[in-house]
Protein backbone atom coordinates (compact mmCIF):
# COMPACT_ATOMS: atom_id res chain seq x y z
CA MET A 1 89.45 126.24 72.26
CA TYR A 2 90.39 123.87 75.10
CA SER A 3 88.55 120.75 76.17
CA THR A 4 86.56 120.81 79.39
CA ALA A 5 89.14 118.55 81.06
CA THR A 6 91.94 120.93 80.07
CA GLN A 7 89.98 123.91 81.38
CA GLU A 8 89.37 122.13 84.68
CA SER A 9 93.05 121.24 84.95
CA ALA A 10 93.97 124.88 84.37
CA LYS A 11 91.53 125.95 87.10
CA VAL A 12 93.06 123.49 89.55
CA LEU A 13 96.58 124.61 88.64
CA SER A 14 95.56 128.24 89.02
CA ALA A 15 93.96 127.62 92.40
CA ASN A 16 96.99 125.68 93.62
CA ALA A 17 99.35 128.37 92.40
CA LEU A 18 97.35 131.08 94.12
CA ASN A 19 97.10 129.11 97.36
CA SER A 20 100.75 128.10 97.52
CA VAL A 21 102.47 131.35 96.61
CA GLN A 22 103.15 134.34 98.75
CA SER A 23 103.24 136.71 95.85
CA GLY A 24 105.63 139.58 95.56
CA VAL A 25 103.28 141.29 93.11
CA HIS A 26 102.20 144.68 94.38
CA PHE A 27 100.44 147.29 92.35
CA ALA A 28 98.86 150.63 93.06
CA PRO A 29 95.34 151.66 92.14
CA GLY A 30 95.45 153.42 88.81
CA MET A 31 98.43 151.40 87.59
CA ALA A 32 98.18 150.61 83.88
CA LEU A 33 96.55 147.26 83.23
CA ALA A 34 99.42 146.30 80.89
CA ASP A 35 101.89 146.85 83.74
CA VAL A 36 99.82 144.68 86.10
CA GLU A 37 99.62 141.96 83.44
CA LYS A 38 103.39 142.10 82.95
CA LEU A 39 103.99 141.74 86.69
CA VAL A 40 101.60 138.79 86.98
CA ILE A 41 103.20 137.01 84.03
CA LEU A 42 106.68 137.61 85.38
CA GLU A 43 105.86 136.42 88.91
CA THR A 44 104.09 133.34 87.55
CA LEU A 45 107.14 132.49 85.44
CA ARG A 46 109.46 132.97 88.43
CA HIS A 47 107.28 130.77 90.63
CA LEU A 48 107.25 128.02 88.00
CA ARG A 49 111.00 128.30 87.36
CA PHE A 50 110.37 129.91 83.97
CA ASN A 51 108.45 126.91 82.62
CA ARG A 52 106.40 128.67 79.94
CA THR A 53 104.04 125.78 79.24
CA ARG A 54 103.02 125.49 82.89
CA ALA A 55 102.83 129.27 83.25
CA ALA A 56 100.46 129.51 80.29
CA ARG A 57 98.23 126.82 81.81
CA VAL A 58 98.19 128.49 85.22
CA LEU A 59 97.41 131.85 83.65
CA GLY A 60 94.64 130.29 81.57
CA ILE A 61 96.12 131.34 78.24
CA GLY A 62 97.64 129.46 75.33
CA ILE A 63 101.40 129.08 75.01
CA ARG A 64 101.37 131.17 71.82
CA THR A 65 99.54 133.97 73.64
CA LEU A 66 102.14 133.87 76.41
CA GLN A 67 104.93 133.99 73.82
CA ARG A 68 103.33 137.04 72.17
CA LYS A 69 102.97 138.80 75.52
CA LEU A 70 106.59 138.04 76.43
CA LYS A 71 107.67 139.57 73.15
CA GLN A 72 105.34 142.55 73.63
CA TYR A 73 106.80 143.24 77.10
CA ASN A 74 110.37 142.57 75.96
CA LEU A 75 110.62 139.53 78.26
CA GLU A 76 111.96 137.06 75.74
CA SER A 77 114.51 134.32 76.52
CA GLY A 78 117.60 136.49 76.68
CA ASN A 79 115.91 139.02 78.94
CA LEU A 80 114.40 136.41 81.27
CA SER A 81 117.72 134.82 82.13
CA ALA A 82 118.81 137.97 83.96
CA LEU A 83 115.68 137.83 86.13
CA SER A 84 116.14 134.34 87.58
């Protein structure tokens, strides 16, 4: 789907994001995977000042996939503005 250079860039972005963030994401064993995914997406968006393109790259997913997940978790534009 992505070129090797794009994949490498995403890995570097992901590593930098993980190394530079003191995450506020906490989850308990047994927590639903969908809830963990939602938290990770939300914290990534917050860290990147809600830049969806960068968030998708850091998460290693396409922008369309991120948009679908935001819709699935009811985190679309109007709902995100209250979280910033």
